[in-house]
Protein backbone atom coordinates (compact mmCIF):
# COMPACT_ATOMS: atom_id res chain seq x y z
CA MET A 1 -9.71 14.98 4.41
CA ALA A 2 -8.54 12.52 7.07
CA ALA A 3 -10.81 11.56 9.96
CA SER A 4 -8.35 13.29 12.28
CA HIS A 5 -4.70 14.28 12.53
CA ILE A 6 -3.94 12.06 15.53
CA ARG A 7 -0.68 10.32 14.73
CA VAL A 8 1.77 7.93 16.35
CA GLY A 9 3.82 11.07 16.90
CA THR A 10 0.94 12.61 18.84
CA PHE A 11 1.18 9.79 21.37
CA GLU A 12 4.97 10.08 21.49
CA TYR A 13 4.64 13.78 22.23
CA ALA A 14 2.01 13.26 24.92
CA ALA A 15 4.13 10.58 26.59
CA ALA A 16 7.25 12.77 26.45
CA LEU A 17 5.57 15.68 28.25
CA GLY A 18 5.32 13.62 31.42
CA ASP A 19 1.85 14.89 32.38
CA PRO A 20 0.14 11.86 33.95
CA THR A 21 -3.30 13.12 32.92
CA LEU A 22 -2.52 13.84 29.27
CA LEU A 23 -1.84 10.37 27.88
CA PRO A 24 -5.02 8.78 29.32
CA ALA A 25 -7.05 11.72 28.02
CA LEU A 26 -5.55 11.35 24.55
CA LEU A 27 -6.24 7.62 24.55
CA ASP A 28 -9.87 8.15 25.62
CA HIS A 29 -10.39 10.81 22.97
CA THR A 30 -8.80 8.71 20.22
CA VAL A 31 -10.73 5.59 21.14
CA ALA A 32 -14.01 7.52 21.17
CA ARG A 33 -13.24 9.07 17.81
CA HIS A 34 -11.76 6.14 15.90
CA TYR A 35 -12.19 2.89 17.83
CA PRO A 36 -15.42 3.05 19.87
CA ALA A 37 -15.68 -0.74 19.81
CA VAL A 38 -12.72 -1.02 22.20
CA ALA A 39 -13.95 1.62 24.67
CA ALA A 40 -15.37 -1.00 27.03
CA ALA A 41 -12.36 -3.33 26.86
CA ASP A 42 -10.81 -4.34 30.17
CA ASP A 43 -7.36 -3.44 28.81
CA LYS A 44 -8.26 -0.45 26.66
CA ALA A 45 -4.69 0.52 25.80
CA VAL A 46 -3.91 -3.03 24.66
CA ALA A 47 -7.13 -3.27 22.65
CA PHE A 48 -6.38 0.10 21.05
CA LEU A 49 -2.84 -0.95 20.10
CA ASP A 50 -4.18 -4.20 18.66
CA ALA A 51 -6.76 -2.33 16.56
CA VAL A 52 -4.18 0.14 15.21
CA VAL A 53 -1.84 -2.73 14.29
CA GLU A 54 -4.67 -4.36 12.33
CA ARG A 55 -5.57 -1.20 10.42
CA GLN A 56 -1.98 -0.41 9.57
CA ALA A 57 -1.35 -3.95 8.34
CA ALA A 58 -4.32 -3.60 5.99
CA LEU A 59 -3.30 -0.12 4.82
CA ILE A 60 0.32 -0.94 4.03
CA ALA A 61 -0.75 -4.06 2.13
CA ARG A 62 -2.99 -1.88 -0.02
CA TRP A 63 -0.11 0.55 -0.62
CA MET A 64 2.15 -2.24 -1.75
CA LEU A 65 -0.34 -3.74 -4.15
CA VAL A 66 -0.88 -0.53 -6.12
CA GLY A 67 2.82 0.36 -6.13
CA PHE A 68 2.43 3.36 -3.80
CA VAL A 69 5.53 4.84 -2.18
CA HIS A 70 4.65 7.19 0.67
CA GLY A 71 8.11 8.66 0.78
CA VAL A 72 8.40 9.94 4.36
CA MET A 73 7.01 7.38 6.79
CA ASN A 74 8.11 8.91 10.06
CA THR A 75 5.87 8.53 13.11
CA ASP A 76 4.46 12.02 12.64
CA ASN A 77 3.11 10.91 9.26
CA MET A 78 1.35 7.76 10.49
CA ALA A 79 -2.28 8.33 11.42
CA VAL A 80 -3.64 6.01 14.09
CA SER A 81 -6.94 5.95 12.18
CA GLY A 82 -5.28 3.81 9.49
CA GLU A 83 -5.48 6.45 6.76
CA THR A 84 -2.77 7.73 4.42
CA ILE A 85 -1.75 11.25 5.43
CA ASP A 86 1.10 13.72 4.89
CA TYR A 87 2.35 12.14 1.67
CA GLY A 88 3.85 15.19 0.00
CA PRO A 89 6.81 13.36 -1.57
CA CYS A 90 4.77 10.30 -2.58
CA ALA A 91 4.89 8.69 -6.02
CA PHE A 92 3.92 5.44 -7.71
CA LEU A 93 6.13 2.76 -9.16
CA ASP A 94 6.60 2.63 -12.89
CA THR A 95 9.06 -0.24 -13.34
CA TYR A 96 8.93 -2.71 -10.49
CA ASP A 97 11.87 -2.46 -8.10
CA PRO A 98 11.54 -2.93 -4.31
CA THR A 99 14.43 -0.52 -3.72
CA THR A 100 12.60 2.36 -5.40
CA THR A 101 12.65 5.61 -3.51
CA PHE A 102 11.55 9.02 -4.74
CA SER A 103 11.85 11.47 -1.84
CA SER A 104 14.85 13.76 -2.14
CA ILE A 105 15.46 13.59 1.63
CA ASP A 106 15.47 9.77 1.75
CA ARG A 107 19.09 9.42 0.68
CA ASP A 108 19.58 5.96 2.22
CA GLY A 109 16.32 4.39 1.07
CA ARG A 110 14.86 4.02 4.55
CA TYR A 111 11.36 4.57 3.15
CA ALA A 112 11.85 2.68 -0.11
CA TYR A 113 8.85 0.84 -1.53
CA GLY A 114 9.95 -2.56 -0.26
CA ASN A 115 10.79 -1.25 3.22
CA GLN A 116 7.32 0.10 3.96
CA PRO A 117 5.97 -2.92 5.88
CA GLY A 118 9.05 -2.96 8.13
CA ILE A 119 8.88 0.78 8.73
CA ALA A 120 5.21 0.53 9.65
CA HIS A 121 6.12 -2.18 12.15
CA TRP A 122 8.88 0.04 13.59
CA ASN A 123 6.46 2.96 13.90
CA LEU A 124 3.95 0.78 15.70
CA ALA A 125 6.66 -0.15 18.19
CA ARG A 126 7.02 3.55 18.97
CA LEU A 127 3.28 3.75 19.60
CA ALA A 128 3.52 0.76 21.91
CA GLU A 129 6.36 2.41 23.83
CA SER A 130 4.24 5.50 24.36
CA LEU A 131 1.36 3.42 25.69
CA LEU A 132 3.41 1.35 28.14
CA PRO A 133 2.31 3.30 31.26
CA LEU A 134 -1.32 2.64 30.33
CA ILE A 135 -0.83 -1.02 29.46
CA HIS A 136 0.33 -2.13 32.91
CA GLY A 137 1.86 -0.64 36.03
CA ASP A 138 4.66 -3.20 36.00
CA GLU A 139 7.16 -2.32 33.27
CA THR A 140 8.14 -5.90 32.47
CA THR A 141 4.52 -6.99 32.15
CA ALA A 142 3.74 -3.95 30.00
CA LEU A 143 6.68 -4.69 27.68
CA ASP A 144 5.76 -8.36 27.32
CA THR A 145 2.15 -7.47 26.55
CA ALA A 146 3.08 -4.82 24.00
CA ARG A 147 5.60 -7.09 22.29
CA ALA A 148 3.01 -9.84 21.98
CA VAL A 149 0.67 -7.47 20.12
CA LEU A 150 3.46 -6.10 17.91
CA ALA A 151 4.55 -9.62 17.01
CA THR A 152 1.24 -10.14 15.21
CA PHE A 153 1.93 -7.42 12.62
CA PRO A 154 3.92 -9.50 10.08
CA GLU A 155 1.28 -12.25 9.95
CA ARG A 156 -1.54 -9.70 9.68
CA PHE A 157 0.24 -7.83 6.92
CA GLN A 158 0.87 -11.05 4.99
CA ARG A 159 -2.78 -12.07 5.39
CA HIS A 160 -4.03 -8.79 3.93
CA TYR A 161 -1.33 -8.75 1.28
CA LEU A 162 -2.00 -12.29 0.10
CA ALA A 163 -5.76 -11.76 0.03
CA ALA A 164 -5.32 -8.72 -2.21
CA ALA A 165 -2.67 -10.51 -4.28
CA ARG A 166 -5.10 -13.33 -4.95
CA ALA A 167 -7.68 -10.76 -6.09
CA LYS A 168 -5.15 -9.26 -8.50
CA LEU A 169 -4.65 -12.71 -10.02
CA GLY A 170 -8.38 -13.45 -10.16
CA LEU A 171 -8.22 -16.16 -7.50
CA THR A 172 -11.17 -16.92 -5.24
CA THR A 173 -9.86 -20.03 -3.50
CA GLU A 174 -6.74 -20.52 -1.44
CA GLU A 175 -3.84 -22.82 -2.24
CA GLU A 176 -0.51 -23.17 -0.51
CA GLY A 177 1.44 -22.11 -3.58
CA ASP A 178 -0.41 -18.82 -4.16
CA ALA A 179 2.19 -16.65 -2.42
CA ALA A 180 4.99 -18.21 -4.46
CA LEU A 181 2.99 -17.75 -7.67
CA PHE A 182 2.55 -14.05 -6.95
CA ALA A 183 6.18 -13.64 -5.87
CA SER A 184 7.43 -15.27 -9.06
CA LEU A 185 5.50 -12.74 -11.15
CA LEU A 186 7.07 -9.91 -9.15
CA GLN A 187 10.49 -11.47 -9.69
CA TRP A 188 9.90 -11.59 -13.44
CA MET A 189 8.82 -7.95 -13.34
CA HIS A 190 11.98 -7.06 -11.44
CA ASP A 191 14.22 -9.02 -13.79
CA THR A 192 12.70 -7.47 -16.89
CA ARG A 193 12.01 -3.99 -15.45
CA ALA A 194 8.37 -4.44 -16.36
CA ASP A 195 5.82 -1.77 -15.56
CA PHE A 196 4.02 -2.63 -12.33
CA THR A 197 0.57 -1.25 -13.11
CA SER A 198 0.46 -2.30 -16.76
CA THR A 199 1.59 -5.85 -16.02
CA PHE A 200 -1.34 -6.45 -13.69
CA ALA A 201 -3.81 -4.58 -15.91
CA ASN A 202 -2.83 -6.79 -18.84
CA LEU A 203 -3.60 -10.03 -17.00
CA ALA A 204 -7.36 -9.82 -17.47
CA PRO A 205 -7.17 -9.99 -21.29
CA LEU A 206 -4.76 -12.90 -20.98
CA ALA A 207 -7.22 -14.76 -18.76
CA GLU A 208 -9.94 -14.32 -21.38
CA ALA A 209 -7.77 -15.30 -24.35
CA ASP A 210 -7.87 -18.80 -25.76
CA SER A 211 -4.12 -18.91 -25.26
CA PRO A 212 -1.67 -16.44 -23.74
CA ALA A 213 1.01 -17.57 -26.17
CA PRO A 214 0.86 -14.55 -28.50
CA ALA A 215 1.20 -12.11 -25.62
CA ALA A 216 4.00 -14.13 -24.05
CA ALA A 217 5.86 -14.82 -27.28
CA GLY A 218 9.58 -14.28 -26.99
CA ASP A 219 9.61 -14.42 -23.20
CA GLU A 220 9.89 -17.99 -22.01
CA ALA A 221 9.88 -17.03 -18.33
CA PHE A 222 6.63 -15.11 -18.61
CA ALA A 223 5.08 -17.82 -20.77
CA ALA A 224 5.97 -20.40 -18.13
CA TRP A 225 4.48 -18.24 -15.41
CA CYS A 226 1.29 -17.77 -17.44
CA GLY A 227 0.98 -21.53 -17.77
CA GLN A 228 1.18 -21.97 -14.00
CA TRP A 229 -1.28 -19.15 -13.37
CA LEU A 230 -3.85 -20.39 -15.89
CA ALA A 231 -3.58 -23.90 -14.44
CA ARG A 232 -4.23 -22.39 -11.02
CA LEU A 233 -7.31 -20.56 -12.35
CA ALA A 234 -8.57 -23.82 -13.81
CA ARG A 235 -8.54 -25.44 -10.37
CA GLN A 236 -11.13 -23.05 -8.96
CA PRO A 237 -14.86 -22.72 -9.69
CA GLY A 238 -16.01 -20.32 -12.37
CA SER A 239 -14.88 -19.37 -15.83
CA ARG A 240 -11.80 -17.46 -16.90
CA ALA A 241 -14.12 -14.65 -17.96
CA ASP A 242 -15.35 -14.47 -14.36
CA ALA A 243 -11.74 -14.27 -13.18
CA ALA A 244 -11.00 -11.51 -15.68
CA ALA A 245 -13.97 -9.50 -14.42
CA ARG A 246 -12.66 -9.77 -10.86
CA MET A 247 -9.17 -8.71 -11.93
CA ARG A 248 -10.55 -5.60 -13.58
CA LEU A 249 -11.90 -4.55 -10.18
CA ALA A 250 -8.56 -5.19 -8.46
CA ASN A 251 -6.00 -3.90 -10.95
CA PRO A 252 -6.17 -0.20 -11.81
CA LEU A 253 -5.66 0.87 -15.38
CA VAL A 254 -4.71 4.39 -14.31
CA ILE A 255 -2.50 5.70 -11.53
CA PRO A 256 -1.16 9.25 -11.15
CA ARG A 257 1.92 8.59 -13.27
CA ASN A 258 4.87 10.66 -12.19
CA HIS A 259 5.43 12.22 -15.59
CA ARG A 260 1.75 13.12 -15.86
CA VAL A 261 1.80 14.71 -12.41
CA GLU A 262 4.81 16.81 -13.44
CA GLU A 263 3.04 17.76 -16.66
CA ALA A 264 -0.01 18.91 -14.70
CA LEU A 265 2.10 20.84 -12.16
CA SER A 266 4.09 22.61 -14.83
CA ALA A 267 0.97 23.63 -16.72
CA ALA A 268 -0.75 24.82 -13.54
CA GLU A 269 2.25 26.95 -12.60
CA ALA A 270 1.88 28.59 -16.02
CA GLY A 271 -1.81 29.24 -15.38
CA ASP A 272 -3.30 26.31 -17.31
CA LEU A 273 -5.33 23.96 -15.10
CA ALA A 274 -6.70 21.86 -17.98
CA PRO A 275 -4.02 19.11 -17.78
CA PHE A 276 -4.64 18.83 -14.04
CA GLU A 277 -8.40 18.54 -14.55
CA ARG A 278 -7.94 15.82 -17.18
CA LEU A 279 -5.53 13.88 -14.94
CA LEU A 280 -7.88 14.21 -11.98
CA ALA A 281 -10.81 12.92 -14.04
CA ALA A 282 -8.75 9.90 -15.10
CA ILE A 283 -7.54 8.91 -11.65
CA ARG A 284 -11.00 9.34 -10.12
CA ALA A 285 -12.02 6.26 -12.11
CA PRO A 286 -8.84 4.17 -12.01
CA PHE A 287 -10.53 0.88 -12.94
CA ALA A 288 -12.76 2.20 -15.74
CA ASP A 289 -11.86 1.38 -19.32
CA LYS A 290 -12.68 4.79 -20.80
CA PRO A 291 -11.28 6.25 -24.04
CA ASP A 292 -10.40 9.55 -22.34
CA SER A 293 -8.24 7.74 -19.79
CA GLU A 294 -6.15 5.97 -22.43
CA PRO A 295 -3.40 8.65 -22.50
CA TYR A 296 -2.85 8.18 -18.76
CA ARG A 297 -2.24 4.43 -18.83
CA SER A 298 1.17 4.30 -20.46
CA ALA A 299 4.54 4.21 -18.72
CA PRO A 300 6.79 7.25 -19.04
CA PRO A 301 8.61 7.69 -22.35
CA ALA A 302 12.24 6.70 -22.62
CA GLY A 303 14.69 9.27 -21.31
CA CYS A 304 12.62 10.55 -18.40
CA GLY A 305 15.41 9.62 -15.99
CA PRO A 306 15.13 9.10 -12.20
CA TYR A 307 12.14 10.80 -10.61
CA ARG A 308 12.56 12.90 -7.46
CA THR A 309 9.91 14.33 -5.17
CA PHE A 310 10.14 16.94 -2.44
CA CYS A 311 8.34 17.69 0.77
CA GLY A 312 5.76 20.30 -0.15
CA THR A 313 5.30 19.04 -3.71
């Protein structure tokens, strides 16, 4: 399903073999397959590294903003094409908590939800190390060049993340306080153990309502946040109904909820594929407000306990 299976680990392996012809051949092949626009660059290895950094920054931002936890982000599971691959122990957040980890082998939380941007940056550093002989013949120059490219990852990630965060809040203009507004909602979600997907999905109706007070009743912190958010919406062109329409295209109603995945797996193991087919139909249209997707929108029932995933799930 991926465009290829060329990974950061592929470049590490090629570099480790010590064959002076292999690494350039791999770079040429990968550029031709995934990044033809950089084929004519004077410093092809540098241009390739820069392009991979950009794609990974965009990908990880998208993961974070739908609550996706890959689960095993080693360099062999990071495709240089910028696609999500080899995510056997993946799962999605229910309650919002940056320390969330699901994979049974991730005992120390290295690949926890909130660590994913940093791990991507670390993986990209391994790619840069592998490319050093192709970046420049002088090791110091090669290191300085690679570090300069790697240093752009945090800013690129934040740019993609904030752009998508604004979309989730229905914002079309940019203000300095937008990042803090989004972060304060996440903090409220963390403090109250709110459901990640449902919280964002419920914003569109609040934007359309005459007043969010009924929905925010009994929660002063959320009511205060709603006031700030609605004031922010009022400072941009367009109606609140327009903003709600945009939010419905940015905030999924349905994700593959962990308890629903387990339900489908258990039924399939017993020979009944119907629950799987229904789940698949729902997640194929994650933004659509359809009656048959309603059962797949809710958080897990009380008492489900911690969720664990395994390589090969």
